[in-house]
Amino acid sequence: MSGLSRSDVEHVAHLARLGLAPDEIERLQGELNHILEQYAALARLETDAIPPTAQTIELENILRDDVVRPSLSQADALANAVATEGPFIVVPAIIGGS
């Protein structure tokens, strides 16, 4: 697999609307070529005997158990609101309101 040339990196940077300095282009050329080399090494691996998977690691629930405990009173919850109307906090409309 041939590597990316400086003009390849400049072209991709132009397409992505990235303004890169000459030293950044040189550094990115090296980094992108390294990524392509690593991909090529992975592409050479025999994977026919490996079943497809959606997860590479086991998933586990790391959430804490729900515990019922006292909450704020309505008055305490409304105490720091900028504006209230009855038992509600008033917020600015974000979709077609006044």
PDB file of N, CA and C in Angstrom:
ATOM      1  N   MET A   1       0.861  -1.183   0.000  1.00  0.00           N
ATOM      2  CA  MET A   1       0.000   0.000   0.000  1.00  0.00           C
ATOM      3  C   MET A   1       0.898   1.233   0.000  1.00  0.00           C
ATOM      4  N   SER A   2       0.676   2.103  -0.974  1.00  0.00           N
ATOM      5  CA  SER A   2       1.485   3.314  -1.028  1.00  0.00           C
ATOM      6  C   SER A   2       0.956   4.340  -0.041  1.00  0.00           C
ATOM      7  N   GLY A   3       1.871   5.162   0.458  1.00  0.00           N
ATOM      8  CA  GLY A   3       1.498   6.154   1.457  1.00  0.00           C
ATOM      9  C   GLY A   3       0.898   7.398   0.826  1.00  0.00           C
ATOM     10  N   LEU A   4       0.409   8.250   1.686  1.00  0.00           N
ATOM     11  CA  LEU A   4      -0.150   9.516   1.228  1.00  0.00           C
ATOM     12  C   LEU A   4       0.977  10.504   0.973  1.00  0.00           C
ATOM     13  N   SER A   5       0.878  11.207  -0.136  1.00  0.00           N
ATOM     14  CA  SER A   5       1.868  12.238  -0.446  1.00  0.00           C
ATOM     15  C   SER A   5       1.466  13.543   0.247  1.00  0.00           C
ATOM     16  N   ARG A   6       2.373  14.483   0.218  1.00  0.00           N
ATOM     17  CA  ARG A   6       2.074  15.796   0.790  1.00  0.00           C
ATOM     18  C   ARG A   6       0.872  16.421   0.075  1.00  0.00           C
ATOM     19  N   SER A   7       0.821  16.258  -1.250  1.00  0.00           N
ATOM     20  CA  SER A   7      -0.298  16.845  -1.997  1.00  0.00           C
ATOM     21  C   SER A   7      -1.619  16.157  -1.643  1.00  0.00           C
ATOM     22  N   ASP A   8      -1.582  14.848  -1.309  1.00  0.00           N
ATOM     23  CA  ASP A   8      -2.796  14.158  -0.854  1.00  0.00           C
ATOM     24  C   ASP A   8      -3.312  14.792   0.441  1.00  0.00           C
ATOM     25  N   VAL A   9      -2.403  15.027   1.368  1.00  0.00           N
ATOM     26  CA  VAL A   9      -2.790  15.616   2.659  1.00  0.00           C
ATOM     27  C   VAL A   9      -3.307  17.034   2.452  1.00  0.00           C
ATOM     28  N   GLU A  10      -2.645  17.798   1.596  1.00  0.00           N
ATOM     29  CA  GLU A  10      -3.104  19.164   1.307  1.00  0.00           C
ATOM     30  C   GLU A  10      -4.500  19.135   0.681  1.00  0.00           C
ATOM     31  N   HIS A  11      -4.744  18.172  -0.212  1.00  0.00           N
ATOM     32  CA  HIS A  11      -6.048  18.062  -0.871  1.00  0.00           C
ATOM     33  C   HIS A  11      -7.140  17.733   0.150  1.00  0.00           C
ATOM     34  N   VAL A  12      -6.879  16.765   1.020  1.00  0.00           N
ATOM     35  CA  VAL A  12      -7.862  16.399   2.048  1.00  0.00           C
ATOM     36  C   VAL A  12      -8.095  17.579   2.995  1.00  0.00           C
ATOM     37  N   ALA A  13      -7.036  18.268   3.370  1.00  0.00           N
ATOM     38  CA  ALA A  13      -7.184  19.437   4.240  1.00  0.00           C
ATOM     39  C   ALA A  13      -8.040  20.508   3.556  1.00  0.00           C
ATOM     40  N   HIS A  14      -7.844  20.691   2.263  1.00  0.00           N
ATOM     41  CA  HIS A  14      -8.646  21.663   1.513  1.00  0.00           C
ATOM     42  C   HIS A  14     -10.115  21.251   1.500  1.00  0.00           C
ATOM     43  N   LEU A  15     -10.381  19.953   1.235  1.00  0.00           N
ATOM     44  CA  LEU A  15     -11.758  19.463   1.220  1.00  0.00           C
ATOM     45  C   LEU A  15     -12.434  19.638   2.571  1.00  0.00           C
ATOM     46  N   ALA A  16     -11.656  19.470   3.651  1.00  0.00           N
ATOM     47  CA  ALA A  16     -12.199  19.606   5.003  1.00  0.00           C
ATOM     48  C   ALA A  16     -12.175  21.059   5.475  1.00  0.00           C
ATOM     49  N   ARG A  17     -11.742  21.948   4.598  1.00  0.00           N
ATOM     50  CA  ARG A  17     -11.659  23.384   4.922  1.00  0.00           C
ATOM     51  C   ARG A  17     -10.777  23.630   6.150  1.00  0.00           C
ATOM     52  N   LEU A  18      -9.639  22.901   6.203  1.00  0.00           N
ATOM     53  CA  LEU A  18      -8.687  23.075   7.287  1.00  0.00           C
ATOM     54  C   LEU A  18      -7.530  23.924   6.793  1.00  0.00           C
ATOM     55  N   GLY A  19      -7.240  24.977   7.517  1.00  0.00           N
ATOM     56  CA  GLY A  19      -6.077  25.788   7.195  1.00  0.00           C
ATOM     57  C   GLY A  19      -4.896  25.252   7.988  1.00  0.00           C
ATOM     58  N   LEU A  20      -4.010  24.536   7.308  1.00  0.00           N
ATOM     59  CA  LEU A  20      -2.882  23.914   8.000  1.00  0.00           C
ATOM     60  C   LEU A  20      -1.575  24.591   7.602  1.00  0.00           C
ATOM     61  N   ALA A  21      -0.718  24.764   8.588  1.00  0.00           N
ATOM     62  CA  ALA A  21       0.617  25.292   8.343  1.00  0.00           C
ATOM     63  C   ALA A  21       1.469  24.182   7.724  1.00  0.00           C
ATOM     64  N   PRO A  22       2.542  24.540   7.037  1.00  0.00           N
ATOM     65  CA  PRO A  22       3.401  23.523   6.408  1.00  0.00           C
ATOM     66  C   PRO A  22       3.900  22.453   7.394  1.00  0.00           C
ATOM     67  N   ASP A  23       4.241  22.847   8.606  1.00  0.00           N
ATOM     68  CA  ASP A  23       4.717  21.847   9.579  1.00  0.00           C
ATOM     69  C   ASP A  23       3.578  20.930  10.019  1.00  0.00           C
ATOM     70  N   GLU A  24       2.345  21.443  10.063  1.00  0.00           N
ATOM     71  CA  GLU A  24       1.200  20.602  10.413  1.00  0.00           C
ATOM     72  C   GLU A  24       0.909  19.589   9.306  1.00  0.00           C
ATOM     73  N   ILE A  25       1.065  20.016   8.068  1.00  0.00           N
ATOM     74  CA  ILE A  25       0.845  19.101   6.945  1.00  0.00           C
ATOM     75  C   ILE A  25       1.862  17.971   6.994  1.00  0.00           C
ATOM     76  N   GLU A  26       3.108  18.304   7.262  1.00  0.00           N
ATOM     77  CA  GLU A  26       4.151  17.288   7.347  1.00  0.00           C
ATOM     78  C   GLU A  26       3.878  16.310   8.487  1.00  0.00           C
ATOM     79  N   ARG A  27       3.486  16.844   9.649  1.00  0.00           N
ATOM     80  CA  ARG A  27       3.194  15.982  10.799  1.00  0.00           C
ATOM     81  C   ARG A  27       1.992  15.088  10.507  1.00  0.00           C
ATOM     82  N   LEU A  28       0.933  15.660   9.934  1.00  0.00           N
ATOM     83  CA  LEU A  28      -0.249  14.871   9.609  1.00  0.00           C
ATOM     84  C   LEU A  28       0.033  13.830   8.538  1.00  0.00           C
ATOM     85  N   GLN A  29       0.904  14.140   7.595  1.00  0.00           N
ATOM     86  CA  GLN A  29       1.264  13.164   6.573  1.00  0.00           C
ATOM     87  C   GLN A  29       1.873  11.931   7.244  1.00  0.00           C
ATOM     88  N   GLY A  30       2.766  12.140   8.194  1.00  0.00           N
ATOM     89  CA  GLY A  30       3.371  11.025   8.912  1.00  0.00           C
ATOM     90  C   GLY A  30       2.345  10.255   9.726  1.00  0.00           C
ATOM     91  N   GLU A  31       1.468  10.967  10.442  1.00  0.00           N
ATOM     92  CA  GLU A  31       0.465  10.308  11.281  1.00  0.00           C
ATOM     93  C   GLU A  31      -0.545   9.519  10.441  1.00  0.00           C
ATOM     94  N   LEU A  32      -1.002  10.115   9.347  1.00  0.00           N
ATOM     95  CA  LEU A  32      -1.972   9.428   8.493  1.00  0.00           C
ATOM     96  C   LEU A  32      -1.343   8.205   7.829  1.00  0.00           C
ATOM     97  N   ASN A  33      -0.089   8.314   7.414  1.00  0.00           N
ATOM     98  CA  ASN A  33       0.584   7.160   6.830  1.00  0.00           C
ATOM     99  C   ASN A  33       0.764   6.051   7.857  1.00  0.00           C
ATOM    100  N   HIS A  34       1.033   6.416   9.103  1.00  0.00           N
ATOM    101  CA  HIS A  34       1.143   5.415  10.162  1.00  0.00           C
ATOM    102  C   HIS A  34      -0.195   4.702  10.367  1.00  0.00           C
ATOM    103  N   ILE A  35      -1.284   5.446  10.366  1.00  0.00           N
ATOM    104  CA  ILE A  35      -2.624   4.851  10.509  1.00  0.00           C
ATOM    105  C   ILE A  35      -2.890   3.891   9.349  1.00  0.00           C
ATOM    106  N   LEU A  36      -2.545   4.292   8.128  1.00  0.00           N
ATOM    107  CA  LEU A  36      -2.760   3.419   6.971  1.00  0.00           C
ATOM    108  C   LEU A  36      -1.909   2.160   7.053  1.00  0.00           C
ATOM    109  N   GLU A  37      -0.683   2.279   7.571  1.00  0.00           N
ATOM    110  CA  GLU A  37       0.175   1.098   7.744  1.00  0.00           C
ATOM    111  C   GLU A  37      -0.441   0.132   8.753  1.00  0.00           C
ATOM    112  N   GLN A  38      -0.981   0.674   9.831  1.00  0.00           N
ATOM    113  CA  GLN A  38      -1.612  -0.173  10.840  1.00  0.00           C
ATOM    114  C   GLN A  38      -2.858  -0.852  10.271  1.00  0.00           C
ATOM    115  N   TYR A  39      -3.624  -0.138   9.483  1.00  0.00           N
ATOM    116  CA  TYR A  39      -4.799  -0.729   8.851  1.00  0.00           C
ATOM    117  C   TYR A  39      -4.382  -1.859   7.908  1.00  0.00           C
ATOM    118  N   ALA A  40      -3.325  -1.637   7.142  1.00  0.00           N
ATOM    119  CA  ALA A  40      -2.845  -2.664   6.219  1.00  0.00           C
ATOM    120  C   ALA A  40      -2.413  -3.910   6.981  1.00  0.00           C
ATOM    121  N   ALA A  41      -1.781  -3.729   8.152  1.00  0.00           N
ATOM    122  CA  ALA A  41      -1.382  -4.884   8.968  1.00  0.00           C
ATOM    123  C   ALA A  41      -2.612  -5.640   9.444  1.00  0.00           C
ATOM    124  N   LEU A  42      -3.643  -4.931   9.848  1.00  0.00           N
ATOM    125  CA  LEU A  42      -4.881  -5.583  10.285  1.00  0.00           C
ATOM    126  C   LEU A  42      -5.576  -6.279   9.121  1.00  0.00           C
ATOM    127  N   ALA A  43      -5.523  -5.690   7.957  1.00  0.00           N
ATOM    128  CA  ALA A  43      -6.189  -6.271   6.789  1.00  0.00           C
ATOM    129  C   ALA A  43      -5.549  -7.598   6.377  1.00  0.00           C
ATOM    130  N   ARG A  44      -4.280  -7.822   6.743  1.00  0.00           N
ATOM    131  CA  ARG A  44      -3.600  -9.070   6.396  1.00  0.00           C
ATOM    132  C   ARG A  44      -3.967 -10.218   7.340  1.00  0.00           C
ATOM    133  N   LEU A  45      -4.625  -9.919   8.451  1.00  0.00           N
ATOM    134  CA  LEU A  45      -4.975 -10.962   9.408  1.00  0.00           C
ATOM    135  C   LEU A  45      -6.078 -11.858   8.859  1.00  0.00           C
ATOM    136  N   GLU A  46      -5.991 -13.147   9.186  1.00  0.00           N
ATOM    137  CA  GLU A  46      -7.007 -14.115   8.787  1.00  0.00           C
ATOM    138  C   GLU A  46      -8.160 -14.033   9.793  1.00  0.00           C
ATOM    139  N   THR A  47      -9.313 -13.580   9.362  1.00  0.00           N
ATOM    140  CA  THR A  47     -10.438 -13.391  10.284  1.00  0.00           C
ATOM    141  C   THR A  47     -11.659 -14.224   9.925  1.00  0.00           C
ATOM    142  N   ASP A  48     -11.516 -15.142   8.977  1.00  0.00           N
ATOM    143  CA  ASP A  48     -12.670 -15.935   8.551  1.00  0.00           C
ATOM    144  C   ASP A  48     -13.257 -16.772   9.685  1.00  0.00           C
ATOM    145  N   ALA A  49     -12.439 -17.221  10.627  1.00  0.00           N
ATOM    146  CA  ALA A  49     -12.918 -18.082  11.711  1.00  0.00           C
ATOM    147  C   ALA A  49     -13.447 -17.286  12.903  1.00  0.00           C
ATOM    148  N   ILE A  50     -13.384 -15.984  12.817  1.00  0.00           N
ATOM    149  CA  ILE A  50     -13.835 -15.141  13.930  1.00  0.00           C
ATOM    150  C   ILE A  50     -15.253 -14.675  13.648  1.00  0.00           C
ATOM    151  N   PRO A  51     -16.202 -15.008  14.542  1.00  0.00           N
ATOM    152  CA  PRO A  51     -17.594 -14.587  14.293  1.00  0.00           C
ATOM    153  C   PRO A  51     -17.748 -13.070  14.460  1.00  0.00           C
ATOM    154  N   PRO A  52     -18.657 -12.476  13.701  1.00  0.00           N
ATOM    155  CA  PRO A  52     -18.912 -11.040  13.844  1.00  0.00           C
ATOM    156  C   PRO A  52     -19.422 -10.727  15.253  1.00  0.00           C
ATOM    157  N   THR A  53     -19.104  -9.555  15.728  1.00  0.00           N
ATOM    158  CA  THR A  53     -19.562  -9.138  17.045  1.00  0.00           C
ATOM    159  C   THR A  53     -19.868  -7.653  17.039  1.00  0.00           C
ATOM    160  N   ALA A  54     -20.787  -7.264  17.886  1.00  0.00           N
ATOM    161  CA  ALA A  54     -21.118  -5.842  18.005  1.00  0.00           C
ATOM    162  C   ALA A  54     -20.317  -5.198  19.129  1.00  0.00           C
ATOM    163  N   GLN A  55     -19.848  -5.997  20.071  1.00  0.00           N
ATOM    164  CA  GLN A  55     -19.095  -5.490  21.218  1.00  0.00           C
ATOM    165  C   GLN A  55     -17.790  -6.267  21.340  1.00  0.00           C
ATOM    166  N   THR A  56     -16.721  -5.548  21.640  1.00  0.00           N
ATOM    167  CA  THR A  56     -15.439  -6.223  21.806  1.00  0.00           C
ATOM    168  C   THR A  56     -15.153  -6.555  23.262  1.00  0.00           C
ATOM    169  N   ILE A  57     -15.909  -5.957  24.154  1.00  0.00           N
ATOM    170  CA  ILE A  57     -15.745  -6.248  25.578  1.00  0.00           C
ATOM    171  C   ILE A  57     -17.104  -6.566  26.177  1.00  0.00           C
ATOM    172  N   GLU A  58     -17.097  -7.293  27.272  1.00  0.00           N
ATOM    173  CA  GLU A  58     -18.349  -7.605  27.943  1.00  0.00           C
ATOM    174  C   GLU A  58     -18.947  -6.333  28.532  1.00  0.00           C
ATOM    175  N   LEU A  59     -20.245  -6.208  28.400  1.00  0.00           N
ATOM    176  CA  LEU A  59     -20.936  -5.061  28.979  1.00  0.00           C
ATOM    177  C   LEU A  59     -21.515  -5.453  30.321  1.00  0.00           C
ATOM    178  N   GLU A  60     -21.481  -4.531  31.233  1.00  0.00           N
ATOM    179  CA  GLU A  60     -22.109  -4.771  32.523  1.00  0.00           C
ATOM    180  C   GLU A  60     -22.739  -3.481  33.006  1.00  0.00           C
ATOM    181  N   ASN A  61     -23.749  -3.617  33.800  1.00  0.00           N
ATOM    182  CA  ASN A  61     -24.442  -2.456  34.331  1.00  0.00           C
ATOM    183  C   ASN A  61     -23.598  -1.870  35.460  1.00  0.00           C
ATOM    184  N   ILE A  62     -23.153  -0.638  35.267  1.00  0.00           N
ATOM    185  CA  ILE A  62     -22.333  -0.003  36.293  1.00  0.00           C
ATOM    186  C   ILE A  62     -23.109   1.076  37.048  1.00  0.00           C
ATOM    187  N   LEU A  63     -24.422   1.082  36.866  1.00  0.00           N
ATOM    188  CA  LEU A  63     -25.252   2.066  37.541  1.00  0.00           C
ATOM    189  C   LEU A  63     -25.534   1.624  38.967  1.00  0.00           C
ATOM    190  N   ARG A  64     -25.703   2.584  39.829  1.00  0.00           N
ATOM    191  CA  ARG A  64     -26.021   2.265  41.217  1.00  0.00           C
ATOM    192  C   ARG A  64     -27.471   1.824  41.323  1.00  0.00           C
ATOM    193  N   ASP A  65     -27.810   1.132  42.386  1.00  0.00           N
ATOM    194  CA  ASP A  65     -29.194   0.750  42.633  1.00  0.00           C
ATOM    195  C   ASP A  65     -29.999   1.990  42.994  1.00  0.00           C
ATOM    196  N   ASP A  66     -31.246   2.017  42.546  1.00  0.00           N
ATOM    197  CA  ASP A  66     -32.134   3.109  42.922  1.00  0.00           C
ATOM    198  C   ASP A  66     -32.474   2.975  44.399  1.00  0.00           C
ATOM    199  N   VAL A  67     -32.345   4.086  45.108  1.00  0.00           N
ATOM    200  CA  VAL A  67     -32.656   4.093  46.536  1.00  0.00           C
ATOM    201  C   VAL A  67     -33.661   5.213  46.777  1.00  0.00           C
ATOM    202  N   VAL A  68     -34.787   4.873  47.362  1.00  0.00           N
ATOM    203  CA  VAL A  68     -35.793   5.880  47.669  1.00  0.00           C
ATOM    204  C   VAL A  68     -35.321   6.664  48.883  1.00  0.00           C
ATOM    205  N   ARG A  69     -35.325   7.982  48.740  1.00  0.00           N
ATOM    206  CA  ARG A  69     -34.946   8.851  49.864  1.00  0.00           C
ATOM    207  C   ARG A  69     -35.682  10.167  49.729  1.00  0.00           C
ATOM    208  N   PRO A  70     -35.745  10.936  50.781  1.00  0.00           N
ATOM    209  CA  PRO A  70     -36.479  12.208  50.718  1.00  0.00           C
ATOM    210  C   PRO A  70     -35.892  13.142  49.664  1.00  0.00           C
ATOM    211  N   SER A  71     -36.780  13.902  49.031  1.00  0.00           N
ATOM    212  CA  SER A  71     -36.373  14.852  48.005  1.00  0.00           C
ATOM    213  C   SER A  71     -36.603  16.270  48.511  1.00  0.00           C
ATOM    214  N   LEU A  72     -36.351  17.245  47.659  1.00  0.00           N
ATOM    215  CA  LEU A  72     -36.619  18.638  48.013  1.00  0.00           C
ATOM    216  C   LEU A  72     -38.126  18.861  48.121  1.00  0.00           C
ATOM    217  N   SER A  73     -38.490  19.760  48.986  1.00  0.00           N
ATOM    218  CA  SER A  73     -39.896  20.165  49.008  1.00  0.00           C
ATOM    219  C   SER A  73     -40.133  21.053  47.788  1.00  0.00           C
ATOM    220  N   GLN A  74     -41.392  21.240  47.435  1.00  0.00           N
ATOM    221  CA  GLN A  74     -41.708  22.076  46.283  1.00  0.00           C
ATOM    222  C   GLN A  74     -41.193  23.494  46.499  1.00  0.00           C
ATOM    223  N   ALA A  75     -41.341  24.016  47.689  1.00  0.00           N
ATOM    224  CA  ALA A  75     -40.881  25.378  47.990  1.00  0.00           C
ATOM    225  C   ALA A  75     -39.363  25.476  47.824  1.00  0.00           C
ATOM    226  N   ASP A  76     -38.614  24.469  48.295  1.00  0.00           N
ATOM    227  CA  ASP A  76     -37.158  24.492  48.147  1.00  0.00           C
ATOM    228  C   ASP A  76     -36.750  24.389  46.673  1.00  0.00           C
ATOM    229  N   ALA A  77     -37.478  23.581  45.907  1.00  0.00           N
ATOM    230  CA  ALA A  77     -37.157  23.420  44.493  1.00  0.00           C
ATOM    231  C   ALA A  77     -37.405  24.710  43.722  1.00  0.00           C
ATOM    232  N   LEU A  78     -38.406  25.465  44.096  1.00  0.00           N
ATOM    233  CA  LEU A  78     -38.744  26.710  43.405  1.00  0.00           C
ATOM    234  C   LEU A  78     -37.978  27.919  43.937  1.00  0.00           C
ATOM    235  N   ALA A  79     -37.302  27.772  45.054  1.00  0.00           N
ATOM    236  CA  ALA A  79     -36.674  28.911  45.734  1.00  0.00           C
ATOM    237  C   ALA A  79     -35.652  29.636  44.862  1.00  0.00           C
ATOM    238  N   ASN A  80     -34.877  28.951  44.063  1.00  0.00           N
ATOM    239  CA  ASN A  80     -33.829  29.604  43.265  1.00  0.00           C
ATOM    240  C   ASN A  80     -34.240  29.876  41.819  1.00  0.00           C
ATOM    241  N   ALA A  81     -35.489  29.602  41.474  1.00  0.00           N
ATOM    242  CA  ALA A  81     -35.947  29.850  40.109  1.00  0.00           C
ATOM    243  C   ALA A  81     -36.031  31.347  39.844  1.00  0.00           C
ATOM    244  N   VAL A  82     -35.652  31.752  38.654  1.00  0.00           N
ATOM    245  CA  VAL A  82     -35.726  33.161  38.284  1.00  0.00           C
ATOM    246  C   VAL A  82     -37.171  33.624  38.229  1.00  0.00           C
ATOM    247  N   ALA A  83     -38.039  32.776  37.669  1.00  0.00           N
ATOM    248  CA  ALA A  83     -39.464  33.123  37.569  1.00  0.00           C
ATOM    249  C   ALA A  83     -40.293  31.872  37.840  1.00  0.00           C
ATOM    250  N   THR A  84     -41.378  32.079  38.563  1.00  0.00           N
ATOM    251  CA  THR A  84     -42.302  30.979  38.840  1.00  0.00           C
ATOM    252  C   THR A  84     -43.717  31.434  38.557  1.00  0.00           C
ATOM    253  N   GLU A  85     -44.573  30.464  38.326  1.00  0.00           N
ATOM    254  CA  GLU A  85     -45.999  30.749  38.167  1.00  0.00           C
ATOM    255  C   GLU A  85     -46.723  29.610  38.861  1.00  0.00           C
ATOM    256  N   GLY A  86     -47.252  29.900  40.021  1.00  0.00           N
ATOM    257  CA  GLY A  86     -47.875  28.854  40.822  1.00  0.00           C
ATOM    258  C   GLY A  86     -46.810  27.830  41.200  1.00  0.00           C
ATOM    259  N   PRO A  87     -47.083  26.549  40.994  1.00  0.00           N
ATOM    260  CA  PRO A  87     -46.113  25.525  41.369  1.00  0.00           C
ATOM    261  C   PRO A  87     -45.110  25.186  40.250  1.00  0.00           C
ATOM    262  N   PHE A  88     -44.975  26.084  39.251  1.00  0.00           N
ATOM    263  CA  PHE A  88     -44.127  25.791  38.105  1.00  0.00           C
ATOM    264  C   PHE A  88     -42.981  26.792  37.964  1.00  0.00           C
ATOM    265  N   ILE A  89     -41.878  26.337  37.364  1.00  0.00           N
ATOM    266  CA  ILE A  89     -40.774  27.223  36.991  1.00  0.00           C
ATOM    267  C   ILE A  89     -41.067  27.721  35.583  1.00  0.00           C
ATOM    268  N   VAL A  90     -40.959  29.034  35.375  1.00  0.00           N
ATOM    269  CA  VAL A  90     -41.218  29.637  34.071  1.00  0.00           C
ATOM    270  C   VAL A  90     -39.875  29.777  33.348  1.00  0.00           C
ATOM    271  N   VAL A  91     -39.835  29.261  32.112  1.00  0.00           N
ATOM    272  CA  VAL A  91     -38.626  29.351  31.280  1.00  0.00           C
ATOM    273  C   VAL A  91     -38.999  29.977  29.949  1.00  0.00           C
ATOM    274  N   PRO A  92     -38.023  30.555  29.246  1.00  0.00           N
ATOM    275  CA  PRO A  92     -38.322  31.163  27.945  1.00  0.00           C
ATOM    276  C   PRO A  92     -38.779  30.105  26.941  1.00  0.00           C
ATOM    277  N   ALA A  93     -39.723  30.490  26.092  1.00  0.00           N
ATOM    278  CA  ALA A  93     -40.193  29.595  25.034  1.00  0.00           C
ATOM    279  C   ALA A  93     -39.074  29.410  24.023  1.00  0.00           C
ATOM    280  N   ILE A  94     -38.919  28.196  23.505  1.00  0.00           N
ATOM    281  CA  ILE A  94     -37.873  27.967  22.495  1.00  0.00           C
ATOM    282  C   ILE A  94     -38.463  27.588  21.140  1.00  0.00           C
ATOM    283  N   ILE A  95     -39.735  27.247  21.111  1.00  0.00           N
ATOM    284  CA  ILE A  95     -40.377  26.895  19.844  1.00  0.00           C
ATOM    285  C   ILE A  95     -41.663  27.690  19.690  1.00  0.00           C
ATOM    286  N   GLY A  96     -41.638  28.679  18.832  1.00  0.00           N
ATOM    287  CA  GLY A  96     -42.822  29.438  18.462  1.00  0.00           C
ATOM    288  C   GLY A  96     -43.698  29.916  19.605  1.00  0.00           C
ATOM    289  N   GLY A  97     -43.134  30.386  20.666  1.00  0.00           N
ATOM    290  CA  GLY A  97     -43.950  30.910  21.765  1.00  0.00           C
ATOM    291  C   GLY A  97     -43.723  32.400  21.922  1.00  0.00           C
ATOM    292  N   SER A  98     -44.389  32.991  22.877  1.00  0.00           N
ATOM    293  CA  SER A  98     -44.191  34.424  23.092  1.00  0.00           C
ATOM    294  C   SER A  98     -43.658  34.655  24.482  1.00  0.00           C
TER     295      SER A  98
END
